[in-house]
Amino acid sequence: INAEYMGDVISSARQFLKMVQCTDAAAFFGAMGCASALVFANLGASYGTAKAGVGVAHLGIMNASKIMRGIVPVVMAGILGIYGLIVAVIISSGITAGSYPNFAGYIHFGAGLSAGMASLAAGLA
């Protein structure tokens, strides 16, 4: 790879970035992806924790020696909320004022929505 070719690639990339639309709607969709990842993941985590907590309470009544085994689903349900928080932080770090293109906003919206809904489904399962 020679330097002239790399210079052409960099200049064409700069020209492409000048043509990309950066509207206020992109930041809105990016923020909605961040919020949906956080909200839906924590809804799944809270429902999963409640359901697992009922199981631990029932296990304590039936066989108290197995309570520590029953705590594992509670911890795993809590990890769903942490996963949503991590995805939300990654998305929010990518949102920049003025140079945030529309397709990045849509991608972040889809990523946050899919991560949040997957955690919600895992909590409901």
N, C-alpha and C. Protein backbone atom coordinates (compact mmCIF):
# COMPACT_ATOMS: atom_id res chain seq x y z
N ILE A 1 0.87 -1.18 0.00
CA ILE A 1 0.00 0.00 0.00
C ILE A 1 0.90 1.23 0.00
N ASN A 2 0.72 2.08 -0.98
CA ASN A 2 1.56 3.27 -1.04
C ASN A 2 0.85 4.46 -0.41
N ALA A 3 1.61 5.51 -0.18
CA ALA A 3 1.10 6.70 0.51
C ALA A 3 0.10 7.46 -0.35
N GLU A 4 0.28 7.44 -1.66
CA GLU A 4 -0.63 8.16 -2.55
C GLU A 4 -2.02 7.54 -2.51
N TYR A 5 -2.08 6.21 -2.49
CA TYR A 5 -3.36 5.52 -2.41
C TYR A 5 -4.06 5.83 -1.09
N MET A 6 -3.30 5.82 0.00
CA MET A 6 -3.88 6.11 1.31
C MET A 6 -4.38 7.55 1.37
N GLY A 7 -3.67 8.47 0.73
CA GLY A 7 -4.12 9.85 0.70
C GLY A 7 -5.43 9.99 -0.05
N ASP A 8 -5.59 9.24 -1.15
CA ASP A 8 -6.84 9.26 -1.91
C ASP A 8 -8.00 8.69 -1.09
N VAL A 9 -7.72 7.63 -0.34
CA VAL A 9 -8.76 7.02 0.48
C VAL A 9 -9.20 7.99 1.58
N ILE A 10 -8.24 8.65 2.20
CA ILE A 10 -8.58 9.58 3.29
C ILE A 10 -9.35 10.78 2.75
N SER A 11 -8.96 11.31 1.60
CA SER A 11 -9.67 12.46 1.05
C SER A 11 -11.09 12.09 0.60
N SER A 12 -11.26 10.89 0.05
CA SER A 12 -12.61 10.48 -0.34
C SER A 12 -13.47 10.23 0.90
N ALA A 13 -12.89 9.74 1.97
CA ALA A 13 -13.64 9.55 3.21
C ALA A 13 -14.06 10.90 3.78
N ARG A 14 -13.20 11.90 3.71
CA ARG A 14 -13.56 13.24 4.18
C ARG A 14 -14.68 13.83 3.34
N GLN A 15 -14.65 13.62 2.04
CA GLN A 15 -15.71 14.12 1.18
C GLN A 15 -17.03 13.43 1.49
N PHE A 16 -16.97 12.14 1.79
CA PHE A 16 -18.19 11.41 2.16
C PHE A 16 -18.77 11.94 3.46
N LEU A 17 -17.91 12.20 4.44
CA LEU A 17 -18.40 12.69 5.72
C LEU A 17 -18.99 14.09 5.61
N LYS A 18 -18.55 14.87 4.64
CA LYS A 18 -19.14 16.18 4.42
C LYS A 18 -20.56 16.05 3.86
N MET A 19 -20.82 15.00 3.11
CA MET A 19 -22.13 14.80 2.51
C MET A 19 -23.14 14.17 3.47
N VAL A 20 -22.66 13.56 4.55
CA VAL A 20 -23.54 12.87 5.48
C VAL A 20 -24.40 13.88 6.23
N GLN A 21 -25.69 13.58 6.37
CA GLN A 21 -26.59 14.48 7.07
C GLN A 21 -26.44 14.30 8.57
N CYS A 22 -26.36 15.42 9.28
CA CYS A 22 -26.28 15.42 10.73
C CYS A 22 -27.40 16.31 11.26
N THR A 23 -28.55 15.73 11.53
CA THR A 23 -29.68 16.51 12.02
C THR A 23 -29.87 16.28 13.51
N ASP A 24 -30.78 17.07 14.09
CA ASP A 24 -31.07 16.91 15.51
C ASP A 24 -31.81 15.61 15.80
N ALA A 25 -32.49 15.08 14.81
CA ALA A 25 -33.22 13.83 15.00
C ALA A 25 -32.28 12.66 15.27
N ALA A 26 -31.06 12.74 14.76
CA ALA A 26 -30.10 11.66 14.99
C ALA A 26 -29.76 11.55 16.48
N ALA A 27 -29.54 12.69 17.13
CA ALA A 27 -29.24 12.66 18.56
C ALA A 27 -30.45 12.16 19.36
N PHE A 28 -31.64 12.50 18.90
CA PHE A 28 -32.84 12.00 19.57
C PHE A 28 -32.92 10.48 19.50
N PHE A 29 -32.71 9.93 18.31
CA PHE A 29 -32.79 8.48 18.17
C PHE A 29 -31.66 7.79 18.93
N GLY A 30 -30.48 8.39 18.96
CA GLY A 30 -29.39 7.82 19.75
C GLY A 30 -29.71 7.81 21.23
N ALA A 31 -30.28 8.92 21.72
CA ALA A 31 -30.66 8.99 23.13
C ALA A 31 -31.79 8.03 23.46
N MET A 32 -32.72 7.84 22.51
CA MET A 32 -33.81 6.88 22.74
C MET A 32 -33.28 5.45 22.78
N GLY A 33 -32.26 5.16 21.99
CA GLY A 33 -31.64 3.84 22.06
C GLY A 33 -30.97 3.62 23.39
N CYS A 34 -30.30 4.66 23.87
CA CYS A 34 -29.66 4.58 25.18
C CYS A 34 -30.69 4.37 26.28
N ALA A 35 -31.77 5.13 26.23
CA ALA A 35 -32.82 5.01 27.25
C ALA A 35 -33.55 3.67 27.17
N SER A 36 -33.81 3.20 25.96
CA SER A 36 -34.53 1.93 25.84
C SER A 36 -33.68 0.76 26.31
N ALA A 37 -32.38 0.82 26.07
CA ALA A 37 -31.51 -0.25 26.59
C ALA A 37 -31.55 -0.27 28.11
N LEU A 38 -31.48 0.89 28.71
CA LEU A 38 -31.46 0.97 30.17
C LEU A 38 -32.81 0.58 30.77
N VAL A 39 -33.89 1.10 30.22
CA VAL A 39 -35.22 0.86 30.79
C VAL A 39 -35.65 -0.59 30.64
N PHE A 40 -35.58 -1.10 29.42
CA PHE A 40 -36.08 -2.46 29.20
C PHE A 40 -35.21 -3.51 29.88
N ALA A 41 -33.89 -3.29 29.91
CA ALA A 41 -33.01 -4.25 30.58
C ALA A 41 -33.28 -4.28 32.08
N ASN A 42 -33.53 -3.11 32.67
CA ASN A 42 -33.80 -3.10 34.11
C ASN A 42 -35.20 -3.59 34.44
N LEU A 43 -36.14 -3.43 33.52
CA LEU A 43 -37.45 -4.05 33.72
C LEU A 43 -37.33 -5.57 33.73
N GLY A 44 -36.56 -6.11 32.79
CA GLY A 44 -36.33 -7.55 32.76
C GLY A 44 -35.58 -8.04 33.99
N ALA A 45 -34.60 -7.24 34.42
CA ALA A 45 -33.83 -7.63 35.60
C ALA A 45 -34.70 -7.62 36.85
N SER A 46 -35.56 -6.62 36.98
CA SER A 46 -36.40 -6.55 38.18
C SER A 46 -37.45 -7.66 38.20
N TYR A 47 -38.03 -7.95 37.05
CA TYR A 47 -39.01 -9.03 37.00
C TYR A 47 -38.34 -10.38 37.26
N GLY A 48 -37.17 -10.59 36.66
CA GLY A 48 -36.45 -11.84 36.89
C GLY A 48 -36.01 -12.00 38.33
N THR A 49 -35.59 -10.90 38.96
CA THR A 49 -35.19 -10.95 40.36
C THR A 49 -36.39 -11.27 41.25
N ALA A 50 -37.54 -10.66 40.95
CA ALA A 50 -38.73 -10.93 41.75
C ALA A 50 -39.18 -12.38 41.61
N LYS A 51 -39.15 -12.87 40.38
CA LYS A 51 -39.57 -14.26 40.15
C LYS A 51 -38.60 -15.23 40.82
N ALA A 52 -37.30 -14.94 40.74
CA ALA A 52 -36.31 -15.82 41.38
C ALA A 52 -36.38 -15.70 42.89
N GLY A 53 -36.71 -14.51 43.39
CA GLY A 53 -36.85 -14.33 44.84
C GLY A 53 -38.00 -15.14 45.41
N VAL A 54 -39.08 -15.22 44.67
CA VAL A 54 -40.20 -16.06 45.10
C VAL A 54 -39.76 -17.52 45.14
N GLY A 55 -38.96 -17.93 44.16
CA GLY A 55 -38.45 -19.30 44.15
C GLY A 55 -37.53 -19.58 45.32
N VAL A 56 -36.70 -18.61 45.70
CA VAL A 56 -35.81 -18.79 46.85
C VAL A 56 -36.62 -18.87 48.13
N ALA A 57 -37.66 -18.05 48.25
CA ALA A 57 -38.50 -18.12 49.44
C ALA A 57 -39.21 -19.47 49.55
N HIS A 58 -39.68 -19.97 48.43
CA HIS A 58 -40.33 -21.28 48.43
C HIS A 58 -39.31 -22.38 48.74
N LEU A 59 -38.11 -22.23 48.22
CA LEU A 59 -37.06 -23.21 48.49
C LEU A 59 -36.66 -23.20 49.97
N GLY A 60 -36.68 -22.03 50.58
CA GLY A 60 -36.37 -21.94 52.01
C GLY A 60 -37.40 -22.64 52.87
N ILE A 61 -38.62 -22.65 52.41
CA ILE A 61 -39.67 -23.34 53.15
C ILE A 61 -39.55 -24.86 52.97
N MET A 62 -39.29 -25.28 51.73
CA MET A 62 -39.27 -26.71 51.43
C MET A 62 -37.97 -27.40 51.85
N ASN A 63 -36.82 -26.77 51.54
CA ASN A 63 -35.53 -27.40 51.85
C ASN A 63 -34.52 -26.28 52.10
N ALA A 64 -34.33 -25.93 53.35
CA ALA A 64 -33.50 -24.78 53.72
C ALA A 64 -32.02 -24.99 53.41
N SER A 65 -31.59 -26.20 53.23
CA SER A 65 -30.17 -26.45 52.96
C SER A 65 -29.78 -26.08 51.53
N LYS A 66 -30.72 -25.86 50.65
CA LYS A 66 -30.44 -25.54 49.25
C LYS A 66 -30.65 -24.05 48.90
N ILE A 67 -30.71 -23.20 49.91
CA ILE A 67 -30.98 -21.79 49.64
C ILE A 67 -29.85 -21.15 48.84
N MET A 68 -28.62 -21.48 49.13
CA MET A 68 -27.49 -20.87 48.41
C MET A 68 -27.51 -21.23 46.93
N ARG A 69 -28.02 -22.40 46.59
CA ARG A 69 -28.17 -22.76 45.18
C ARG A 69 -29.26 -21.95 44.51
N GLY A 70 -30.25 -21.58 45.27
CA GLY A 70 -31.36 -20.81 44.72
C GLY A 70 -31.04 -19.35 44.50
N ILE A 71 -29.93 -18.86 45.03
CA ILE A 71 -29.57 -17.45 44.87
C ILE A 71 -28.96 -17.19 43.49
N VAL A 72 -28.46 -18.21 42.83
CA VAL A 72 -27.83 -18.04 41.51
C VAL A 72 -28.77 -17.38 40.50
N PRO A 73 -30.05 -17.76 40.38
CA PRO A 73 -30.92 -17.06 39.43
C PRO A 73 -31.14 -15.59 39.78
N VAL A 74 -31.09 -15.25 41.06
CA VAL A 74 -31.23 -13.85 41.47
C VAL A 74 -30.05 -13.04 40.96
N VAL A 75 -28.86 -13.59 41.11
CA VAL A 75 -27.66 -12.91 40.63
C VAL A 75 -27.66 -12.80 39.11
N MET A 76 -28.05 -13.86 38.44
CA MET A 76 -28.08 -13.84 36.98
C MET A 76 -29.11 -12.83 36.46
N ALA A 77 -30.22 -12.67 37.15
CA ALA A 77 -31.20 -11.68 36.74
C ALA A 77 -30.67 -10.27 36.95
N GLY A 78 -29.89 -10.06 37.99
CA GLY A 78 -29.28 -8.75 38.23
C GLY A 78 -28.26 -8.39 37.17
N ILE A 79 -27.63 -9.38 36.59
CA ILE A 79 -26.64 -9.13 35.54
C ILE A 79 -27.31 -8.55 34.30
N LEU A 80 -28.58 -8.85 34.08
CA LEU A 80 -29.30 -8.28 32.94
C LEU A 80 -29.35 -6.75 33.02
N GLY A 81 -29.57 -6.23 34.22
CA GLY A 81 -29.59 -4.78 34.40
C GLY A 81 -28.23 -4.16 34.18
N ILE A 82 -27.18 -4.85 34.61
CA ILE A 82 -25.82 -4.36 34.40
C ILE A 82 -25.49 -4.36 32.91
N TYR A 83 -25.95 -5.36 32.20
CA TYR A 83 -25.73 -5.43 30.76
C TYR A 83 -26.40 -4.24 30.06
N GLY A 84 -27.62 -3.93 30.45
CA GLY A 84 -28.30 -2.77 29.88
C GLY A 84 -27.58 -1.47 30.19
N LEU A 85 -27.02 -1.36 31.39
CA LEU A 85 -26.26 -0.16 31.75
C LEU A 85 -25.01 -0.03 30.90
N ILE A 86 -24.32 -1.12 30.66
CA ILE A 86 -23.11 -1.09 29.84
C ILE A 86 -23.43 -0.67 28.41
N VAL A 87 -24.49 -1.24 27.84
CA VAL A 87 -24.89 -0.87 26.48
C VAL A 87 -25.28 0.60 26.42
N ALA A 88 -25.99 1.10 27.43
CA ALA A 88 -26.39 2.50 27.45
C ALA A 88 -25.18 3.44 27.54
N VAL A 89 -24.19 3.06 28.31
CA VAL A 89 -22.98 3.89 28.42
C VAL A 89 -22.21 3.90 27.10
N ILE A 90 -22.12 2.75 26.45
CA ILE A 90 -21.43 2.69 25.16
C ILE A 90 -22.14 3.54 24.12
N ILE A 91 -23.47 3.47 24.10
CA ILE A 91 -24.22 4.27 23.14
C ILE A 91 -24.08 5.76 23.44
N SER A 92 -24.20 6.14 24.71
CA SER A 92 -24.14 7.56 25.06
C SER A 92 -22.75 8.15 24.82
N SER A 93 -21.72 7.33 24.88
CA SER A 93 -20.38 7.86 24.60
C SER A 93 -20.19 8.13 23.11
N GLY A 94 -21.01 7.53 22.27
CA GLY A 94 -20.91 7.75 20.83
C GLY A 94 -21.68 8.96 20.33
N ILE A 95 -22.54 9.53 21.17
CA ILE A 95 -23.35 10.68 20.75
C ILE A 95 -22.52 11.95 20.93
N THR A 96 -22.26 12.64 19.83
CA THR A 96 -21.51 13.89 19.87
C THR A 96 -22.35 14.98 19.21
N ALA A 97 -22.27 16.18 19.73
CA ALA A 97 -23.06 17.29 19.20
C ALA A 97 -22.46 17.79 17.89
N GLY A 98 -23.30 17.97 16.91
CA GLY A 98 -22.89 18.56 15.65
C GLY A 98 -22.35 17.61 14.60
N SER A 99 -21.71 16.54 15.02
CA SER A 99 -21.11 15.62 14.05
C SER A 99 -21.65 14.20 14.21
N TYR A 100 -22.88 14.10 14.57
CA TYR A 100 -23.52 12.79 14.80
C TYR A 100 -24.45 12.50 13.63
N PRO A 101 -24.07 11.62 12.72
CA PRO A 101 -24.87 11.40 11.51
C PRO A 101 -26.17 10.64 11.81
N ASN A 102 -27.09 10.77 10.88
CA ASN A 102 -28.40 10.12 11.04
C ASN A 102 -28.29 8.61 11.14
N PHE A 103 -27.47 8.01 10.31
CA PHE A 103 -27.40 6.54 10.34
C PHE A 103 -26.82 6.04 11.66
N ALA A 104 -25.95 6.82 12.30
CA ALA A 104 -25.43 6.42 13.61
C ALA A 104 -26.54 6.47 14.65
N GLY A 105 -27.42 7.48 14.55
CA GLY A 105 -28.55 7.56 15.47
C GLY A 105 -29.49 6.38 15.32
N TYR A 106 -29.75 6.00 14.06
CA TYR A 106 -30.63 4.86 13.83
C TYR A 106 -29.99 3.55 14.28
N ILE A 107 -28.70 3.43 14.05
CA ILE A 107 -27.99 2.22 14.49
C ILE A 107 -27.99 2.12 16.01
N HIS A 108 -27.74 3.23 16.68
CA HIS A 108 -27.74 3.21 18.15
C HIS A 108 -29.14 2.96 18.70
N PHE A 109 -30.15 3.48 18.01
CA PHE A 109 -31.52 3.20 18.44
C PHE A 109 -31.83 1.71 18.33
N GLY A 110 -31.47 1.12 17.21
CA GLY A 110 -31.70 -0.31 17.02
C GLY A 110 -30.90 -1.16 17.99
N ALA A 111 -29.67 -0.76 18.25
CA ALA A 111 -28.83 -1.53 19.18
C ALA A 111 -29.39 -1.47 20.59
N GLY A 112 -29.80 -0.28 21.03
CA GLY A 112 -30.36 -0.15 22.37
C GLY A 112 -31.67 -0.87 22.52
N LEU A 113 -32.50 -0.78 21.48
CA LEU A 113 -33.79 -1.45 21.53
C LEU A 113 -33.63 -2.97 21.54
N SER A 114 -32.72 -3.48 20.74
CA SER A 114 -32.53 -4.93 20.70
C SER A 114 -31.89 -5.45 21.99
N ALA A 115 -30.94 -4.71 22.54
CA ALA A 115 -30.32 -5.16 23.80
C ALA A 115 -31.32 -5.09 24.94
N GLY A 116 -32.13 -4.04 24.98
CA GLY A 116 -33.12 -3.91 26.05
C GLY A 116 -34.20 -4.96 25.95
N MET A 117 -34.70 -5.19 24.75
CA MET A 117 -35.76 -6.18 24.59
C MET A 117 -35.26 -7.61 24.82
N ALA A 118 -34.00 -7.86 24.48
CA ALA A 118 -33.45 -9.19 24.75
C ALA A 118 -33.33 -9.42 26.26
N SER A 119 -32.92 -8.40 26.98
CA SER A 119 -32.84 -8.53 28.44
C SER A 119 -34.21 -8.64 29.06
N LEU A 120 -35.18 -7.92 28.51
CA LEU A 120 -36.54 -8.04 29.02
C LEU A 120 -37.09 -9.45 28.80
N ALA A 121 -36.85 -10.00 27.62
CA ALA A 121 -37.30 -11.36 27.33
C ALA A 121 -36.60 -12.38 28.22
N ALA A 122 -35.32 -12.14 28.48
CA ALA A 122 -34.58 -13.07 29.36
C ALA A 122 -35.10 -12.99 30.79
N GLY A 123 -35.49 -11.80 31.22
CA GLY A 123 -36.06 -11.67 32.56
C GLY A 123 -37.44 -12.28 32.69
N LEU A 124 -38.19 -12.23 31.61
CA LEU A 124 -39.53 -12.81 31.63
C LEU A 124 -39.51 -14.33 31.48
N ALA A 125 -38.42 -14.86 30.96
CA ALA A 125 -38.35 -16.31 30.72
C ALA A 125 -38.18 -17.11 32.00
